[in-house]
Amino acid sequence: VQLQASGGGLVQAGGSLRLSCAASGRTFTGWAMGWFRQAPGKEREFVAAIGWSSGGTYYNGFLKSRFTISRDNAKDTVYLQMTSLKPEDTAVYYCATKSGNPYQSLTDGYDYWGQGTLVTVSS
């Protein structure tokens, strides 16, 4: 399994950004994809997850109002739309995938990880 995250960059506070994660290497029916982030000096934090087949979603409650996860099954790609970005959203954003449902916020629950994409929000 390979996961390729992209879409990070520099954005001003209040702006928006969409991250993508292209997955390959297996059929993802019945699997889930998650987004995590890790700021400098902090632990990796759960952002959101989605079921590849069901489309069911699961969010970090503190981010749900600003972040939206979606997927395009035909492209095996998952997206993270981020709006009203704040400087504290600055982090490396990782995508990860797991078998089963998307209701998992722990890093140990995910089987494969992408390389991460850096998001920097300037004030």
C-alpha atoms as a PDB file:
ATOM      1  CA  VAL A   1       0.000   0.000   0.000  1.00  0.00           C
ATOM      2  CA  GLN A   2       1.227   3.463  -0.903  1.00  0.00           C
ATOM      3  CA  LEU A   3      -0.236   6.766   0.184  1.00  0.00           C
ATOM      4  CA  GLN A   4       0.825  10.022  -1.418  1.00  0.00           C
ATOM      5  CA  ALA A   5      -0.253  13.199   0.351  1.00  0.00           C
ATOM      6  CA  SER A   6      -0.138  16.524  -1.451  1.00  0.00           C
ATOM      7  CA  GLY A   7      -1.595  20.014  -1.431  1.00  0.00           C
ATOM      8  CA  GLY A   8       0.228  21.569   1.481  1.00  0.00           C
ATOM      9  CA  GLY A   9       1.743  25.004   1.332  1.00  0.00           C
ATOM     10  CA  LEU A  10       1.810  28.482   2.799  1.00  0.00           C
ATOM     11  CA  VAL A  11      -1.521  30.212   3.374  1.00  0.00           C
ATOM     12  CA  GLN A  12      -2.585  33.302   5.263  1.00  0.00           C
ATOM     13  CA  ALA A  13      -4.764  33.064   8.339  1.00  0.00           C
ATOM     14  CA  GLY A  14      -8.402  32.887   7.337  1.00  0.00           C
ATOM     15  CA  GLY A  15      -7.593  31.176   4.080  1.00  0.00           C
ATOM     16  CA  SER A  16      -8.435  27.726   2.779  1.00  0.00           C
ATOM     17  CA  LEU A  17      -6.486  24.761   1.510  1.00  0.00           C
ATOM     18  CA  ARG A  18      -7.376  21.331   0.164  1.00  0.00           C
ATOM     19  CA  LEU A  19      -5.139  18.372   0.788  1.00  0.00           C
ATOM     20  CA  SER A  20      -5.234  15.206  -1.282  1.00  0.00           C
ATOM     21  CA  CYS A  21      -4.139  11.674  -0.526  1.00  0.00           C
ATOM     22  CA  ALA A  22      -3.826   9.246  -3.415  1.00  0.00           C
ATOM     23  CA  ALA A  23      -3.885   5.601  -2.401  1.00  0.00           C
ATOM     24  CA  SER A  24      -2.673   2.578  -4.332  1.00  0.00           C
ATOM     25  CA  GLY A  25      -1.554  -0.984  -3.874  1.00  0.00           C
ATOM     26  CA  ARG A  26      -4.773  -2.761  -2.972  1.00  0.00           C
ATOM     27  CA  THR A  27      -8.537  -2.616  -3.165  1.00  0.00           C
ATOM     28  CA  PHE A  28      -9.803  -0.380  -0.400  1.00  0.00           C
ATOM     29  CA  THR A  29     -13.324  -1.733  -0.154  1.00  0.00           C
ATOM     30  CA  GLY A  30     -14.136  -1.953   3.535  1.00  0.00           C
ATOM     31  CA  TRP A  31     -11.180   0.163   4.539  1.00  0.00           C
ATOM     32  CA  ALA A  32     -10.977   3.681   5.964  1.00  0.00           C
ATOM     33  CA  MET A  33      -8.697   6.668   5.448  1.00  0.00           C
ATOM     34  CA  GLY A  34      -7.687   9.121   8.104  1.00  0.00           C
ATOM     35  CA  TRP A  35      -5.921  12.440   8.317  1.00  0.00           C
ATOM     36  CA  PHE A  36      -3.612  13.311  11.190  1.00  0.00           C
ATOM     37  CA  ARG A  37      -1.371  16.266  11.843  1.00  0.00           C
ATOM     38  CA  GLN A  38       1.754  16.899  13.843  1.00  0.00           C
ATOM     39  CA  ALA A  39       2.948  20.334  14.860  1.00  0.00           C
ATOM     40  CA  PRO A  40       6.570  20.918  15.900  1.00  0.00           C
ATOM     41  CA  GLY A  41       7.203  19.571  19.370  1.00  0.00           C
ATOM     42  CA  LYS A  42       3.727  18.059  19.671  1.00  0.00           C
ATOM     43  CA  GLU A  43       2.215  14.614  19.369  1.00  0.00           C
ATOM     44  CA  ARG A  44       0.452  13.481  16.255  1.00  0.00           C
ATOM     45  CA  GLU A  45      -3.196  14.501  16.396  1.00  0.00           C
ATOM     46  CA  PHE A  46      -6.258  12.961  14.775  1.00  0.00           C
ATOM     47  CA  VAL A  47      -8.100  15.224  12.341  1.00  0.00           C
ATOM     48  CA  ALA A  48     -10.730  13.185  10.509  1.00  0.00           C
ATOM     49  CA  ALA A  49     -11.469   9.808   8.922  1.00  0.00           C
ATOM     50  CA  ILE A  50     -13.786   8.436   6.263  1.00  0.00           C
ATOM     51  CA  GLY A  51     -14.925   5.000   5.184  1.00  0.00           C
ATOM     52  CA  TRP A  52     -13.894   4.201   1.622  1.00  0.00           C
ATOM     53  CA  SER A  53     -17.077   2.288   0.888  1.00  0.00           C
ATOM     54  CA  SER A  54     -19.610   3.707   3.328  1.00  0.00           C
ATOM     55  CA  GLY A  55     -18.523   7.337   3.214  1.00  0.00           C
ATOM     56  CA  GLY A  56     -19.123   7.491   6.944  1.00  0.00           C
ATOM     57  CA  THR A  57     -17.073  10.205   8.608  1.00  0.00           C
ATOM     58  CA  TYR A  58     -15.486  10.764  11.989  1.00  0.00           C
ATOM     59  CA  TYR A  59     -13.989  14.039  13.130  1.00  0.00           C
ATOM     60  CA  ASN A  60     -11.900  15.590  15.820  1.00  0.00           C
ATOM     61  CA  GLY A  61     -14.648  17.580  17.467  1.00  0.00           C
ATOM     62  CA  PHE A  62     -12.510  20.687  17.769  1.00  0.00           C
ATOM     63  CA  LEU A  63     -11.909  20.794  14.010  1.00  0.00           C
ATOM     64  CA  LYS A  64     -15.204  19.608  12.583  1.00  0.00           C
ATOM     65  CA  SER A  65     -16.610  23.071  11.971  1.00  0.00           C
ATOM     66  CA  ARG A  66     -13.678  24.052   9.723  1.00  0.00           C
ATOM     67  CA  PHE A  67     -12.421  20.805   8.174  1.00  0.00           C
ATOM     68  CA  THR A  68     -14.255  18.458   5.806  1.00  0.00           C
ATOM     69  CA  ILE A  69     -13.092  15.043   4.678  1.00  0.00           C
ATOM     70  CA  SER A  70     -14.323  13.488   1.440  1.00  0.00           C
ATOM     71  CA  ARG A  71     -13.308  10.811  -1.016  1.00  0.00           C
ATOM     72  CA  ASP A  72     -13.399   9.980  -4.707  1.00  0.00           C
ATOM     73  CA  ASN A  73     -13.548   6.212  -4.961  1.00  0.00           C
ATOM     74  CA  ALA A  74     -12.959   6.234  -8.710  1.00  0.00           C
ATOM     75  CA  LYS A  75      -9.617   7.952  -8.132  1.00  0.00           C
ATOM     76  CA  ASP A  76      -8.776   6.210  -4.838  1.00  0.00           C
ATOM     77  CA  THR A  77      -8.207   9.674  -3.433  1.00  0.00           C
ATOM     78  CA  VAL A  78      -9.272  11.261  -0.170  1.00  0.00           C
ATOM     79  CA  TYR A  79      -9.422  14.989   0.409  1.00  0.00           C
ATOM     80  CA  LEU A  80      -9.255  17.269   3.394  1.00  0.00           C
ATOM     81  CA  GLN A  81     -10.822  20.660   2.829  1.00  0.00           C
ATOM     82  CA  MET A  82      -9.608  23.135   5.417  1.00  0.00           C
ATOM     83  CA  THR A  83     -11.198  26.550   5.864  1.00  0.00           C
ATOM     84  CA  SER A  84     -10.743  29.519   8.193  1.00  0.00           C
ATOM     85  CA  LEU A  85      -7.204  28.401   8.795  1.00  0.00           C
ATOM     86  CA  LYS A  86      -5.353  29.609  11.875  1.00  0.00           C
ATOM     87  CA  PRO A  87      -1.649  29.782  12.680  1.00  0.00           C
ATOM     88  CA  GLU A  88      -2.163  26.918  15.131  1.00  0.00           C
ATOM     89  CA  ASP A  89      -3.181  24.704  12.216  1.00  0.00           C
ATOM     90  CA  THR A  90       0.435  24.802  11.074  1.00  0.00           C
ATOM     91  CA  ALA A  91       1.654  21.209  10.991  1.00  0.00           C
ATOM     92  CA  VAL A  92       2.688  18.321   8.815  1.00  0.00           C
ATOM     93  CA  TYR A  93      -0.490  16.581   7.709  1.00  0.00           C
ATOM     94  CA  TYR A  94      -0.413  12.832   7.230  1.00  0.00           C
ATOM     95  CA  CYS A  95      -2.875  10.464   5.642  1.00  0.00           C
ATOM     96  CA  ALA A  96      -3.187   6.911   6.851  1.00  0.00           C
ATOM     97  CA  THR A  97      -5.351   3.923   6.073  1.00  0.00           C
ATOM     98  CA  LYS A  98      -6.746   0.996   8.052  1.00  0.00           C
ATOM     99  CA  SER A  99      -8.992  -1.956   7.553  1.00  0.00           C
ATOM    100  CA  GLY A 100     -12.498  -1.670   8.924  1.00  0.00           C
ATOM    101  CA  ASN A 101     -14.574   1.323   9.947  1.00  0.00           C
ATOM    102  CA  PRO A 102     -13.373   4.922  10.200  1.00  0.00           C
ATOM    103  CA  TYR A 103     -14.199   5.383  13.901  1.00  0.00           C
ATOM    104  CA  GLN A 104     -10.616   5.316  15.027  1.00  0.00           C
ATOM    105  CA  SER A 105      -8.620   8.298  16.286  1.00  0.00           C
ATOM    106  CA  LEU A 106      -5.512   6.553  17.571  1.00  0.00           C
ATOM    107  CA  THR A 107      -2.395   6.400  15.424  1.00  0.00           C
ATOM    108  CA  ASP A 108      -1.830   2.777  16.441  1.00  0.00           C
ATOM    109  CA  GLY A 109      -5.102   1.877  14.791  1.00  0.00           C
ATOM    110  CA  TYR A 110      -3.839   2.654  11.298  1.00  0.00           C
ATOM    111  CA  ASP A 111      -1.865   0.231   9.173  1.00  0.00           C
ATOM    112  CA  TYR A 112      -0.203   2.358   6.503  1.00  0.00           C
ATOM    113  CA  TRP A 113       0.972   5.957   6.440  1.00  0.00           C
ATOM    114  CA  GLY A 114       1.846   8.505   3.813  1.00  0.00           C
ATOM    115  CA  GLN A 115       4.860  10.780   3.935  1.00  0.00           C
ATOM    116  CA  GLY A 116       3.070  13.951   5.045  1.00  0.00           C
ATOM    117  CA  THR A 117       2.566  17.378   3.539  1.00  0.00           C
ATOM    118  CA  LEU A 118       3.460  20.617   5.303  1.00  0.00           C
ATOM    119  CA  VAL A 119       0.825  23.256   5.923  1.00  0.00           C
ATOM    120  CA  THR A 120       2.015  26.623   7.159  1.00  0.00           C
ATOM    121  CA  VAL A 121      -0.492  29.272   8.178  1.00  0.00           C
ATOM    122  CA  SER A 122       0.890  32.775   8.549  1.00  0.00           C
ATOM    123  CA  SER A 123      -0.668  35.381  10.816  1.00  0.00           C
END
